Amino acid sequence: MVNLYKSPHVRHVTDEDGSMVLLNLRTGKYTFLNAAAGRVWQHLSECGGTVERALGVVAPSLGVTVERFTSDMAPLIAKWQCNHILTTKELKK
């Protein structure tokens, strides 16, 4: 997997059930996430690092293997890339 990181121009709001709405400030487009995807995004927002690392942290907390979670999340990750929600450039803190 290519190292992918949270784009700096994306903001999010979390609902009570853990679902999220992302807003891409450059495009004005919204993306809705279920609770599992929201946990991945939350990890990226709070801890930084790569998507691969976030998947590895979140999967066990959901009771699934990292391999299974990565496979299940692959289409969504690809969509995030196409929508410029993820970038290949790491932000410097």
N, C-alpha and C. Protein backbone atom coordinates (compact mmCIF):
# COMPACT_ATOMS: atom_id res chain seq x y z
N MET A 1 0.85 -1.18 0.00
CA MET A 1 0.00 0.00 0.00
C MET A 1 0.90 1.24 0.00
N VAL A 2 0.57 2.20 -0.84
CA VAL A 2 1.27 3.47 -0.89
C VAL A 2 0.99 4.21 0.43
N ASN A 3 1.96 4.93 0.95
CA ASN A 3 1.72 5.71 2.16
C ASN A 3 0.74 6.83 1.84
N LEU A 4 -0.39 6.79 2.51
CA LEU A 4 -1.43 7.79 2.33
C LEU A 4 -1.68 8.49 3.65
N TYR A 5 -1.92 9.79 3.57
CA TYR A 5 -2.11 10.62 4.75
C TYR A 5 -3.36 11.48 4.59
N LYS A 6 -3.87 11.97 5.70
CA LYS A 6 -5.01 12.88 5.71
C LYS A 6 -4.61 14.18 5.00
N SER A 7 -5.47 14.64 4.11
CA SER A 7 -5.22 15.91 3.42
C SER A 7 -5.46 17.07 4.38
N PRO A 8 -4.65 18.12 4.28
CA PRO A 8 -4.78 19.24 5.22
C PRO A 8 -6.03 20.10 4.99
N HIS A 9 -6.67 19.97 3.85
CA HIS A 9 -7.83 20.81 3.53
C HIS A 9 -9.16 20.09 3.77
N VAL A 10 -9.14 19.06 4.62
CA VAL A 10 -10.37 18.32 4.94
C VAL A 10 -10.71 18.52 6.41
N ARG A 11 -11.95 18.84 6.68
CA ARG A 11 -12.45 19.01 8.05
C ARG A 11 -13.53 17.97 8.29
N HIS A 12 -13.79 17.69 9.56
CA HIS A 12 -14.81 16.69 9.87
C HIS A 12 -15.65 17.08 11.08
N VAL A 13 -16.83 16.49 11.13
CA VAL A 13 -17.74 16.60 12.27
C VAL A 13 -18.20 15.19 12.58
N THR A 14 -18.20 14.85 13.88
CA THR A 14 -18.58 13.50 14.32
C THR A 14 -19.96 13.52 14.95
N ASP A 15 -20.79 12.54 14.60
CA ASP A 15 -22.11 12.38 15.18
C ASP A 15 -22.00 11.53 16.45
N GLU A 16 -23.05 11.48 17.22
CA GLU A 16 -23.07 10.70 18.47
C GLU A 16 -22.77 9.22 18.26
N ASP A 17 -23.17 8.67 17.12
CA ASP A 17 -22.99 7.24 16.87
C ASP A 17 -21.62 6.92 16.27
N GLY A 18 -20.77 7.94 16.11
CA GLY A 18 -19.44 7.72 15.56
C GLY A 18 -19.33 7.95 14.07
N SER A 19 -20.47 8.11 13.40
CA SER A 19 -20.41 8.42 11.97
C SER A 19 -19.88 9.85 11.81
N MET A 20 -19.41 10.15 10.61
CA MET A 20 -18.79 11.45 10.36
C MET A 20 -19.23 12.03 9.04
N VAL A 21 -19.06 13.33 8.95
CA VAL A 21 -19.18 14.04 7.69
C VAL A 21 -17.84 14.75 7.48
N LEU A 22 -17.23 14.50 6.32
CA LEU A 22 -16.00 15.18 5.94
C LEU A 22 -16.34 16.28 4.95
N LEU A 23 -15.64 17.39 5.03
CA LEU A 23 -15.80 18.47 4.07
C LEU A 23 -14.44 18.76 3.46
N ASN A 24 -14.36 18.63 2.15
CA ASN A 24 -13.16 18.99 1.41
C ASN A 24 -13.28 20.48 1.11
N LEU A 25 -12.44 21.29 1.76
CA LEU A 25 -12.54 22.74 1.61
C LEU A 25 -12.19 23.22 0.21
N ARG A 26 -11.40 22.45 -0.51
CA ARG A 26 -11.02 22.85 -1.87
C ARG A 26 -12.14 22.62 -2.88
N THR A 27 -12.88 21.54 -2.69
CA THR A 27 -13.92 21.22 -3.67
C THR A 27 -15.33 21.56 -3.18
N GLY A 28 -15.48 21.73 -1.87
CA GLY A 28 -16.80 21.97 -1.30
C GLY A 28 -17.66 20.72 -1.21
N LYS A 29 -17.06 19.56 -1.47
CA LYS A 29 -17.81 18.30 -1.44
C LYS A 29 -17.77 17.67 -0.06
N TYR A 30 -18.91 17.06 0.30
CA TYR A 30 -19.05 16.35 1.56
C TYR A 30 -18.92 14.85 1.31
N THR A 31 -18.38 14.16 2.31
CA THR A 31 -18.31 12.70 2.27
C THR A 31 -18.84 12.20 3.60
N PHE A 32 -19.75 11.24 3.56
CA PHE A 32 -20.33 10.68 4.77
C PHE A 32 -19.65 9.36 5.09
N LEU A 33 -19.29 9.16 6.36
CA LEU A 33 -18.61 7.95 6.80
C LEU A 33 -19.42 7.23 7.87
N ASN A 34 -19.45 5.90 7.77
CA ASN A 34 -20.07 5.13 8.85
C ASN A 34 -19.12 5.14 10.06
N ALA A 35 -19.53 4.51 11.14
CA ALA A 35 -18.75 4.57 12.38
C ALA A 35 -17.37 3.93 12.22
N ALA A 36 -17.26 2.82 11.50
CA ALA A 36 -15.95 2.16 11.33
C ALA A 36 -15.00 3.04 10.54
N ALA A 37 -15.47 3.59 9.44
CA ALA A 37 -14.64 4.49 8.64
C ALA A 37 -14.33 5.76 9.43
N GLY A 38 -15.29 6.21 10.22
CA GLY A 38 -15.09 7.38 11.07
C GLY A 38 -13.97 7.17 12.08
N ARG A 39 -13.85 5.95 12.59
CA ARG A 39 -12.78 5.66 13.54
C ARG A 39 -11.41 5.73 12.87
N VAL A 40 -11.34 5.29 11.62
CA VAL A 40 -10.09 5.40 10.87
C VAL A 40 -9.75 6.88 10.69
N TRP A 41 -10.72 7.68 10.27
CA TRP A 41 -10.47 9.10 10.06
C TRP A 41 -10.11 9.79 11.38
N GLN A 42 -10.77 9.42 12.46
CA GLN A 42 -10.48 10.01 13.76
C GLN A 42 -9.02 9.73 14.15
N HIS A 43 -8.57 8.50 13.90
CA HIS A 43 -7.18 8.16 14.21
C HIS A 43 -6.23 9.01 13.37
N LEU A 44 -6.53 9.17 12.09
CA LEU A 44 -5.68 10.01 11.23
C LEU A 44 -5.65 11.45 11.73
N SER A 45 -6.78 11.95 12.17
CA SER A 45 -6.87 13.34 12.63
C SER A 45 -6.14 13.55 13.95
N GLU A 46 -6.26 12.61 14.86
CA GLU A 46 -5.67 12.78 16.19
C GLU A 46 -4.21 12.36 16.27
N CYS A 47 -3.85 11.30 15.54
CA CYS A 47 -2.51 10.72 15.67
C CYS A 47 -1.62 10.94 14.47
N GLY A 48 -2.21 11.33 13.36
CA GLY A 48 -1.42 11.46 12.14
C GLY A 48 -1.03 10.09 11.63
N GLY A 49 0.04 10.04 10.87
CA GLY A 49 0.50 8.77 10.34
C GLY A 49 -0.24 8.36 9.09
N THR A 50 0.01 7.14 8.67
CA THR A 50 -0.54 6.64 7.42
C THR A 50 -1.89 5.97 7.62
N VAL A 51 -2.60 5.82 6.52
CA VAL A 51 -3.86 5.08 6.52
C VAL A 51 -3.60 3.64 6.95
N GLU A 52 -2.53 3.07 6.45
CA GLU A 52 -2.19 1.68 6.80
C GLU A 52 -2.05 1.53 8.32
N ARG A 53 -1.40 2.47 8.95
CA ARG A 53 -1.23 2.43 10.41
C ARG A 53 -2.59 2.57 11.10
N ALA A 54 -3.43 3.48 10.63
CA ALA A 54 -4.75 3.67 11.22
C ALA A 54 -5.59 2.40 11.10
N LEU A 55 -5.54 1.75 9.96
CA LEU A 55 -6.29 0.50 9.78
C LEU A 55 -5.80 -0.55 10.77
N GLY A 56 -4.49 -0.61 10.97
CA GLY A 56 -3.92 -1.57 11.89
C GLY A 56 -4.30 -1.33 13.34
N VAL A 57 -4.52 -0.08 13.69
CA VAL A 57 -4.93 0.26 15.05
C VAL A 57 -6.43 0.03 15.25
N VAL A 58 -7.23 0.41 14.29
CA VAL A 58 -8.69 0.35 14.44
C VAL A 58 -9.22 -1.08 14.31
N ALA A 59 -8.67 -1.89 13.42
CA ALA A 59 -9.20 -3.24 13.16
C ALA A 59 -9.38 -4.07 14.43
N PRO A 60 -8.35 -4.21 15.27
CA PRO A 60 -8.53 -5.05 16.47
C PRO A 60 -9.63 -4.54 17.40
N SER A 61 -9.80 -3.23 17.47
CA SER A 61 -10.85 -2.68 18.33
C SER A 61 -12.24 -3.00 17.81
N LEU A 62 -12.33 -3.36 16.52
CA LEU A 62 -13.61 -3.75 15.93
C LEU A 62 -13.80 -5.27 15.91
N GLY A 63 -12.76 -5.99 16.36
CA GLY A 63 -12.86 -7.45 16.43
C GLY A 63 -12.63 -8.14 15.10
N VAL A 64 -11.94 -7.49 14.18
CA VAL A 64 -11.62 -8.10 12.88
C VAL A 64 -10.11 -8.08 12.67
N THR A 65 -9.65 -8.93 11.77
CA THR A 65 -8.22 -8.94 11.47
C THR A 65 -7.87 -7.71 10.64
N VAL A 66 -6.62 -7.32 10.72
CA VAL A 66 -6.15 -6.18 9.94
C VAL A 66 -6.32 -6.47 8.45
N GLU A 67 -6.03 -7.71 8.05
CA GLU A 67 -6.15 -8.08 6.63
C GLU A 67 -7.58 -7.93 6.14
N ARG A 68 -8.52 -8.40 6.93
CA ARG A 68 -9.94 -8.33 6.55
C ARG A 68 -10.40 -6.87 6.50
N PHE A 69 -10.05 -6.10 7.52
CA PHE A 69 -10.46 -4.69 7.58
C PHE A 69 -9.85 -3.90 6.42
N THR A 70 -8.58 -4.16 6.13
CA THR A 70 -7.92 -3.49 5.01
C THR A 70 -8.62 -3.83 3.70
N SER A 71 -8.97 -5.09 3.52
CA SER A 71 -9.68 -5.52 2.32
C SER A 71 -11.06 -4.86 2.22
N ASP A 72 -11.77 -4.84 3.34
CA ASP A 72 -13.11 -4.23 3.36
C ASP A 72 -13.06 -2.72 3.11
N MET A 73 -12.01 -2.08 3.59
CA MET A 73 -11.89 -0.63 3.47
C MET A 73 -11.28 -0.18 2.14
N ALA A 74 -10.69 -1.11 1.38
CA ALA A 74 -9.97 -0.75 0.14
C ALA A 74 -10.80 0.10 -0.83
N PRO A 75 -12.06 -0.25 -1.11
CA PRO A 75 -12.84 0.59 -2.03
C PRO A 75 -13.04 2.02 -1.50
N LEU A 76 -13.24 2.14 -0.19
CA LEU A 76 -13.43 3.46 0.39
C LEU A 76 -12.13 4.26 0.35
N ILE A 77 -11.01 3.61 0.64
CA ILE A 77 -9.72 4.28 0.58
C ILE A 77 -9.45 4.79 -0.85
N ALA A 78 -9.78 3.96 -1.83
CA ALA A 78 -9.61 4.37 -3.24
C ALA A 78 -10.49 5.59 -3.55
N LYS A 79 -11.70 5.60 -3.02
CA LYS A 79 -12.60 6.74 -3.23
C LYS A 79 -12.04 8.00 -2.56
N TRP A 80 -11.49 7.84 -1.35
CA TRP A 80 -10.89 8.98 -0.66
C TRP A 80 -9.73 9.55 -1.48
N GLN A 81 -8.95 8.67 -2.10
CA GLN A 81 -7.85 9.14 -2.94
C GLN A 81 -8.39 9.93 -4.13
N CYS A 82 -9.40 9.40 -4.82
CA CYS A 82 -9.98 10.07 -5.99
C CYS A 82 -10.58 11.42 -5.63
N ASN A 83 -11.12 11.52 -4.42
CA ASN A 83 -11.75 12.77 -3.97
C ASN A 83 -10.77 13.71 -3.27
N HIS A 84 -9.49 13.36 -3.29
CA HIS A 84 -8.43 14.19 -2.71
C HIS A 84 -8.62 14.42 -1.21
N ILE A 85 -9.18 13.41 -0.55
CA ILE A 85 -9.32 13.45 0.90
C ILE A 85 -8.04 12.93 1.54
N LEU A 86 -7.32 12.12 0.77
CA LEU A 86 -6.02 11.60 1.19
C LEU A 86 -4.95 12.12 0.25
N THR A 87 -3.74 12.19 0.75
CA THR A 87 -2.61 12.65 -0.04
C THR A 87 -1.42 11.71 0.19
N THR A 88 -0.48 11.75 -0.70
CA THR A 88 0.73 10.95 -0.53
C THR A 88 1.81 11.75 0.20
N LYS A 89 1.52 12.97 0.57
CA LYS A 89 2.49 13.82 1.25
C LYS A 89 2.16 13.95 2.73
N GLU A 90 3.13 13.63 3.55
CA GLU A 90 2.95 13.74 5.00
C GLU A 90 3.05 15.19 5.44
N LEU A 91 2.15 15.60 6.31
CA LEU A 91 2.19 16.95 6.85
C LEU A 91 3.25 17.04 7.93
N LYS A 92 3.98 18.11 7.94
CA LYS A 92 4.96 18.35 9.00
C LYS A 92 4.26 19.08 10.13
N LYS A 93 4.47 18.59 11.34
CA LYS A 93 3.82 19.22 12.50
C LYS A 93 4.68 20.31 13.06
